[in-house]
Amino acid sequence: DDSNQQPSGGTTPTPPPTPQPSPQPTPVPTRQPSPKPTPRPVHPNIAGRLADCKWNERLFTISLKADQYGNEISWKLENGIGNIVLKNSRTYNNYEADTVEKCISAGAYKLTMLDSYGDGIISPGYYKVYIDGVLQFQGGRQYKTRTHEFAFGSQDMTERDHHWLDSHNTRRKTWCVGLV
């Protein structure tokens, strides 16, 4: 049988054996993935605004915790021409916590906090206002009426950027719905 003979003209050395494979991967990931996507990213600021708001909007958030006299507390957000954009929708219970969010268009605004008795929200109560997730102002005690005025312009993006971002956000929402 000639099958075990080397070809004529010399011998070819045999290469060394292949090294052993690396150890098997761990059987379980070190951290379990979240069961479903979070409603908003941890830091959802994209070019100065949140992904769920339109390109010319910012996310306004008011977070408050009532004191032992929650029924004394109310608030309203007005735009630059005095139209009410947002306000508390009900009477607060004692020690109730509430967070309200709304995408608001570029412009000037005035937030008015009201306490019918005139002592404000007593600790541990508070109110905090955020724009695009960044704390703008907060308060609590010693007011019957307290106003906060603020303004912001639209984002510095081209029209093409706006179209791309709106399309991206539409795809993102569609994709995330499929994961739930």
C-alpha atoms as a PDB file:
ATOM      1  CA  ASP A   1       0.000   0.000   0.000  1.00  0.00           C
ATOM      2  CA  ASP A   2       1.531   3.341  -1.144  1.00  0.00           C
ATOM      3  CA  SER A   3      -0.846   5.658   0.793  1.00  0.00           C
ATOM      4  CA  ASN A   4       1.524   6.023   3.787  1.00  0.00           C
ATOM      5  CA  GLN A   5       4.565   7.017   1.733  1.00  0.00           C
ATOM      6  CA  GLN A   6       5.871  10.591   1.593  1.00  0.00           C
ATOM      7  CA  PRO A   7       5.935  12.391  -1.761  1.00  0.00           C
ATOM      8  CA  SER A   8       9.207  12.156  -3.636  1.00  0.00           C
ATOM      9  CA  GLY A   9      11.721  14.919  -3.091  1.00  0.00           C
ATOM     10  CA  GLY A  10      11.777  14.979   0.716  1.00  0.00           C
ATOM     11  CA  THR A  11       9.588  15.062   3.737  1.00  0.00           C
ATOM     12  CA  THR A  12       7.219  17.800   4.900  1.00  0.00           C
ATOM     13  CA  PRO A  13       7.208  18.350   8.660  1.00  0.00           C
ATOM     14  CA  THR A  14       3.919  17.845  10.410  1.00  0.00           C
ATOM     15  CA  PRO A  15       2.571  21.079  12.043  1.00  0.00           C
ATOM     16  CA  PRO A  16       2.137  21.060  15.814  1.00  0.00           C
ATOM     17  CA  PRO A  17      -1.308  20.197  17.152  1.00  0.00           C
ATOM     18  CA  THR A  18      -3.863  22.974  17.526  1.00  0.00           C
ATOM     19  CA  PRO A  19      -3.941  24.463  21.064  1.00  0.00           C
ATOM     20  CA  GLN A  20      -6.764  23.463  23.359  1.00  0.00           C
ATOM     21  CA  PRO A  21      -9.883  25.649  23.108  1.00  0.00           C
ATOM     22  CA  SER A  22     -10.438  28.269  25.764  1.00  0.00           C
ATOM     23  CA  PRO A  23     -12.526  27.294  28.811  1.00  0.00           C
ATOM     24  CA  GLN A  24     -16.242  27.170  28.305  1.00  0.00           C
ATOM     25  CA  PRO A  25     -18.143  30.458  28.848  1.00  0.00           C
ATOM     26  CA  THR A  26     -19.871  30.908  32.168  1.00  0.00           C
ATOM     27  CA  PRO A  27     -23.216  29.121  32.174  1.00  0.00           C
ATOM     28  CA  VAL A  28     -25.153  32.214  33.355  1.00  0.00           C
ATOM     29  CA  PRO A  29     -24.543  35.894  32.643  1.00  0.00           C
ATOM     30  CA  THR A  30     -23.241  37.833  35.611  1.00  0.00           C
ATOM     31  CA  ARG A  31     -26.195  40.220  35.358  1.00  0.00           C
ATOM     32  CA  GLN A  32     -29.689  39.362  34.224  1.00  0.00           C
ATOM     33  CA  PRO A  33     -31.080  41.622  31.492  1.00  0.00           C
ATOM     34  CA  SER A  34     -34.036  43.797  32.377  1.00  0.00           C
ATOM     35  CA  PRO A  35     -37.378  42.108  31.647  1.00  0.00           C
ATOM     36  CA  LYS A  36     -38.448  44.866  29.219  1.00  0.00           C
ATOM     37  CA  PRO A  37     -37.058  48.192  28.039  1.00  0.00           C
ATOM     38  CA  THR A  38     -37.370  51.084  30.439  1.00  0.00           C
ATOM     39  CA  PRO A  39     -39.856  53.751  29.317  1.00  0.00           C
ATOM     40  CA  ARG A  40     -37.083  56.343  29.068  1.00  0.00           C
ATOM     41  CA  PRO A  41     -33.317  56.014  29.025  1.00  0.00           C
ATOM     42  CA  VAL A  42     -31.501  56.818  32.263  1.00  0.00           C
ATOM     43  CA  HIS A  43     -30.188  60.045  30.768  1.00  0.00           C
ATOM     44  CA  PRO A  44     -32.506  60.638  27.818  1.00  0.00           C
ATOM     45  CA  ASN A  45     -31.064  64.000  26.808  1.00  0.00           C
ATOM     46  CA  ILE A  46     -30.430  63.993  23.071  1.00  0.00           C
ATOM     47  CA  ALA A  47     -29.047  67.302  21.777  1.00  0.00           C
ATOM     48  CA  GLY A  48     -30.692  69.168  24.657  1.00  0.00           C
ATOM     49  CA  ARG A  49     -34.090  67.496  24.579  1.00  0.00           C
ATOM     50  CA  LEU A  50     -35.724  64.196  25.405  1.00  0.00           C
ATOM     51  CA  ALA A  51     -36.280  61.583  22.747  1.00  0.00           C
ATOM     52  CA  ASP A  52     -40.042  61.450  23.321  1.00  0.00           C
ATOM     53  CA  CYS A  53     -40.500  65.189  22.718  1.00  0.00           C
ATOM     54  CA  LYS A  54     -40.536  66.762  19.267  1.00  0.00           C
ATOM     55  CA  TRP A  55     -37.465  68.620  18.033  1.00  0.00           C
ATOM     56  CA  ASN A  56     -38.831  72.014  19.111  1.00  0.00           C
ATOM     57  CA  GLU A  57     -39.988  70.897  22.565  1.00  0.00           C
ATOM     58  CA  ARG A  58     -38.479  70.260  25.974  1.00  0.00           C
ATOM     59  CA  LEU A  59     -39.738  67.948  28.695  1.00  0.00           C
ATOM     60  CA  PHE A  60     -41.190  69.861  31.652  1.00  0.00           C
ATOM     61  CA  THR A  61     -41.440  67.792  34.843  1.00  0.00           C
ATOM     62  CA  ILE A  62     -42.866  68.850  38.175  1.00  0.00           C
ATOM     63  CA  SER A  63     -42.390  66.487  41.083  1.00  0.00           C
ATOM     64  CA  LEU A  64     -43.945  67.259  44.428  1.00  0.00           C
ATOM     65  CA  LYS A  65     -44.646  65.711  47.756  1.00  0.00           C
ATOM     66  CA  ALA A  66     -47.495  67.221  49.735  1.00  0.00           C
ATOM     67  CA  ASP A  67     -47.262  67.941  53.435  1.00  0.00           C
ATOM     68  CA  GLN A  68     -49.940  67.097  56.012  1.00  0.00           C
ATOM     69  CA  TYR A  69     -52.251  69.641  54.329  1.00  0.00           C
ATOM     70  CA  GLY A  70     -52.173  68.417  50.739  1.00  0.00           C
ATOM     71  CA  ASN A  71     -55.537  69.994  49.946  1.00  0.00           C
ATOM     72  CA  GLU A  72     -53.942  73.479  50.294  1.00  0.00           C
ATOM     73  CA  ILE A  73     -51.524  72.933  47.383  1.00  0.00           C
ATOM     74  CA  SER A  74     -52.113  73.793  43.746  1.00  0.00           C
ATOM     75  CA  TRP A  75     -50.006  74.910  40.785  1.00  0.00           C
ATOM     76  CA  LYS A  76     -50.271  76.026  37.170  1.00  0.00           C
ATOM     77  CA  LEU A  77     -47.907  76.505  34.239  1.00  0.00           C
ATOM     78  CA  GLU A  78     -48.700  79.373  31.866  1.00  0.00           C
ATOM     79  CA  ASN A  79     -47.100  80.212  28.538  1.00  0.00           C
ATOM     80  CA  GLY A  80     -45.820  83.680  27.633  1.00  0.00           C
ATOM     81  CA  ILE A  81     -49.265  84.973  26.656  1.00  0.00           C
ATOM     82  CA  GLY A  82     -50.966  83.751  29.833  1.00  0.00           C
ATOM     83  CA  ASN A  83     -52.621  80.570  28.563  1.00  0.00           C
ATOM     84  CA  ILE A  84     -52.582  77.698  31.058  1.00  0.00           C
ATOM     85  CA  VAL A  85     -50.513  74.880  29.555  1.00  0.00           C
ATOM     86  CA  LEU A  86     -50.655  72.515  32.517  1.00  0.00           C
ATOM     87  CA  LYS A  87     -52.016  72.472  36.065  1.00  0.00           C
ATOM     88  CA  ASN A  88     -52.682  70.063  38.876  1.00  0.00           C
ATOM     89  CA  SER A  89     -55.683  67.992  37.910  1.00  0.00           C
ATOM     90  CA  ARG A  90     -57.003  67.213  41.378  1.00  0.00           C
ATOM     91  CA  THR A  91     -56.783  68.017  45.075  1.00  0.00           C
ATOM     92  CA  TYR A  92     -53.780  66.388  46.699  1.00  0.00           C
ATOM     93  CA  ASN A  93     -54.101  64.035  49.638  1.00  0.00           C
ATOM     94  CA  ASN A  94     -51.953  64.498  52.725  1.00  0.00           C
ATOM     95  CA  TYR A  95     -48.335  63.391  52.059  1.00  0.00           C
ATOM     96  CA  GLU A  96     -49.186  62.412  48.489  1.00  0.00           C
ATOM     97  CA  ALA A  97     -46.356  62.301  45.951  1.00  0.00           C
ATOM     98  CA  ASP A  98     -47.037  63.257  42.340  1.00  0.00           C
ATOM     99  CA  THR A  99     -44.998  63.708  39.173  1.00  0.00           C
ATOM    100  CA  VAL A 100     -46.414  65.324  36.042  1.00  0.00           C
ATOM    101  CA  GLU A 101     -44.565  65.518  32.720  1.00  0.00           C
ATOM    102  CA  LYS A 102     -45.372  67.313  29.481  1.00  0.00           C
ATOM    103  CA  CYS A 103     -43.449  68.223  26.349  1.00  0.00           C
ATOM    104  CA  ILE A 104     -43.685  71.989  25.988  1.00  0.00           C
ATOM    105  CA  SER A 105     -42.803  74.146  22.979  1.00  0.00           C
ATOM    106  CA  ALA A 106     -39.985  76.678  22.946  1.00  0.00           C
ATOM    107  CA  GLY A 107     -40.969  79.967  24.578  1.00  0.00           C
ATOM    108  CA  ALA A 108     -41.452  81.776  27.887  1.00  0.00           C
ATOM    109  CA  TYR A 109     -43.286  80.213  30.828  1.00  0.00           C
ATOM    110  CA  LYS A 110     -44.401  81.022  34.347  1.00  0.00           C
ATOM    111  CA  LEU A 111     -44.989  78.383  37.004  1.00  0.00           C
ATOM    112  CA  THR A 112     -47.169  79.540  39.901  1.00  0.00           C
ATOM    113  CA  MET A 113     -47.197  77.518  43.114  1.00  0.00           C
ATOM    114  CA  LEU A 114     -50.114  78.242  45.448  1.00  0.00           C
ATOM    115  CA  ASP A 115     -50.727  77.360  49.083  1.00  0.00           C
ATOM    116  CA  SER A 116     -54.181  78.460  50.246  1.00  0.00           C
ATOM    117  CA  TYR A 117     -53.114  78.722  53.913  1.00  0.00           C
ATOM    118  CA  GLY A 118     -49.902  80.584  53.137  1.00  0.00           C
ATOM    119  CA  ASP A 119     -47.238  78.434  54.827  1.00  0.00           C
ATOM    120  CA  GLY A 120     -46.049  76.619  51.701  1.00  0.00           C
ATOM    121  CA  ILE A 121     -45.261  72.915  51.668  1.00  0.00           C
ATOM    122  CA  ILE A 122     -43.846  71.987  55.079  1.00  0.00           C
ATOM    123  CA  SER A 123     -40.963  69.487  55.290  1.00  0.00           C
ATOM    124  CA  PRO A 124     -40.711  66.664  54.379  1.00  0.00           C
ATOM    125  CA  GLY A 125     -42.817  68.007  51.497  1.00  0.00           C
ATOM    126  CA  TYR A 126     -41.317  69.800  48.486  1.00  0.00           C
ATOM    127  CA  TYR A 127     -41.685  70.626  44.821  1.00  0.00           C
ATOM    128  CA  LYS A 128     -38.992  70.305  42.151  1.00  0.00           C
ATOM    129  CA  VAL A 129     -39.085  71.382  38.532  1.00  0.00           C
ATOM    130  CA  TYR A 130     -36.949  69.850  35.792  1.00  0.00           C
ATOM    131  CA  ILE A 131     -36.431  70.730  32.146  1.00  0.00           C
ATOM    132  CA  ASP A 132     -35.107  67.798  30.112  1.00  0.00           C
ATOM    133  CA  GLY A 133     -34.318  65.985  33.348  1.00  0.00           C
ATOM    134  CA  VAL A 134     -32.151  68.797  34.760  1.00  0.00           C
ATOM    135  CA  LEU A 135     -33.283  70.419  38.024  1.00  0.00           C
ATOM    136  CA  GLN A 136     -34.190  74.076  37.413  1.00  0.00           C
ATOM    137  CA  PHE A 137     -35.654  75.127  40.754  1.00  0.00           C
ATOM    138  CA  GLN A 138     -37.219  73.730  43.880  1.00  0.00           C
ATOM    139  CA  GLY A 139     -39.055  74.984  46.902  1.00  0.00           C
ATOM    140  CA  GLY A 140     -41.315  74.308  49.786  1.00  0.00           C
ATOM    141  CA  ARG A 141     -41.852  76.563  52.778  1.00  0.00           C
ATOM    142  CA  GLN A 142     -43.071  80.089  53.346  1.00  0.00           C
ATOM    143  CA  TYR A 143     -45.250  81.082  50.441  1.00  0.00           C
ATOM    144  CA  LYS A 144     -48.853  81.731  49.614  1.00  0.00           C
ATOM    145  CA  THR A 145     -47.957  82.362  45.972  1.00  0.00           C
ATOM    146  CA  ARG A 146     -44.543  81.716  44.465  1.00  0.00           C
ATOM    147  CA  THR A 147     -43.737  82.173  40.793  1.00  0.00           C
ATOM    148  CA  HIS A 148     -40.833  80.890  38.733  1.00  0.00           C
ATOM    149  CA  GLU A 149     -40.270  82.261  35.237  1.00  0.00           C
ATOM    150  CA  PHE A 150     -38.142  80.560  32.603  1.00  0.00           C
ATOM    151  CA  ALA A 151     -37.701  80.485  28.833  1.00  0.00           C
ATOM    152  CA  PHE A 152     -35.882  78.450  26.235  1.00  0.00           C
ATOM    153  CA  GLY A 153     -35.472  78.491  22.475  1.00  0.00           C
ATOM    154  CA  SER A 154     -35.718  75.758  19.903  1.00  0.00           C
ATOM    155  CA  GLN A 155     -32.845  73.405  19.278  1.00  0.00           C
ATOM    156  CA  ASP A 156     -29.992  74.176  16.882  1.00  0.00           C
ATOM    157  CA  MET A 157     -30.671  71.445  14.346  1.00  0.00           C
ATOM    158  CA  THR A 158     -31.141  71.530  10.593  1.00  0.00           C
ATOM    159  CA  GLU A 159     -34.453  70.570   9.043  1.00  0.00           C
ATOM    160  CA  ARG A 160     -32.769  67.408   7.737  1.00  0.00           C
ATOM    161  CA  ASP A 161     -31.669  66.566  11.310  1.00  0.00           C
ATOM    162  CA  HIS A 162     -35.251  67.035  12.518  1.00  0.00           C
ATOM    163  CA  HIS A 163     -36.615  64.665   9.870  1.00  0.00           C
ATOM    164  CA  TRP A 164     -33.971  62.063  10.670  1.00  0.00           C
ATOM    165  CA  LEU A 165     -34.565  62.297  14.428  1.00  0.00           C
ATOM    166  CA  ASP A 166     -38.347  62.093  14.088  1.00  0.00           C
ATOM    167  CA  SER A 167     -37.985  59.013  11.844  1.00  0.00           C
ATOM    168  CA  HIS A 168     -35.510  57.465  14.257  1.00  0.00           C
ATOM    169  CA  ASN A 169     -37.816  58.010  17.222  1.00  0.00           C
ATOM    170  CA  THR A 170     -40.737  56.491  15.303  1.00  0.00           C
ATOM    171  CA  ARG A 171     -38.649  53.402  14.526  1.00  0.00           C
ATOM    172  CA  ARG A 172     -37.435  53.238  18.145  1.00  0.00           C
ATOM    173  CA  LYS A 173     -40.983  53.319  19.502  1.00  0.00           C
ATOM    174  CA  THR A 174     -42.079  50.635  17.007  1.00  0.00           C
ATOM    175  CA  TRP A 175     -39.098  48.451  17.883  1.00  0.00           C
ATOM    176  CA  CYS A 176     -39.580  48.852  21.644  1.00  0.00           C
ATOM    177  CA  VAL A 177     -43.273  47.937  21.376  1.00  0.00           C
ATOM    178  CA  GLY A 178     -42.263  44.642  19.780  1.00  0.00           C
ATOM    179  CA  LEU A 179     -40.040  43.820  22.761  1.00  0.00           C
ATOM    180  CA  VAL A 180     -42.715  44.253  25.412  1.00  0.00           C
END
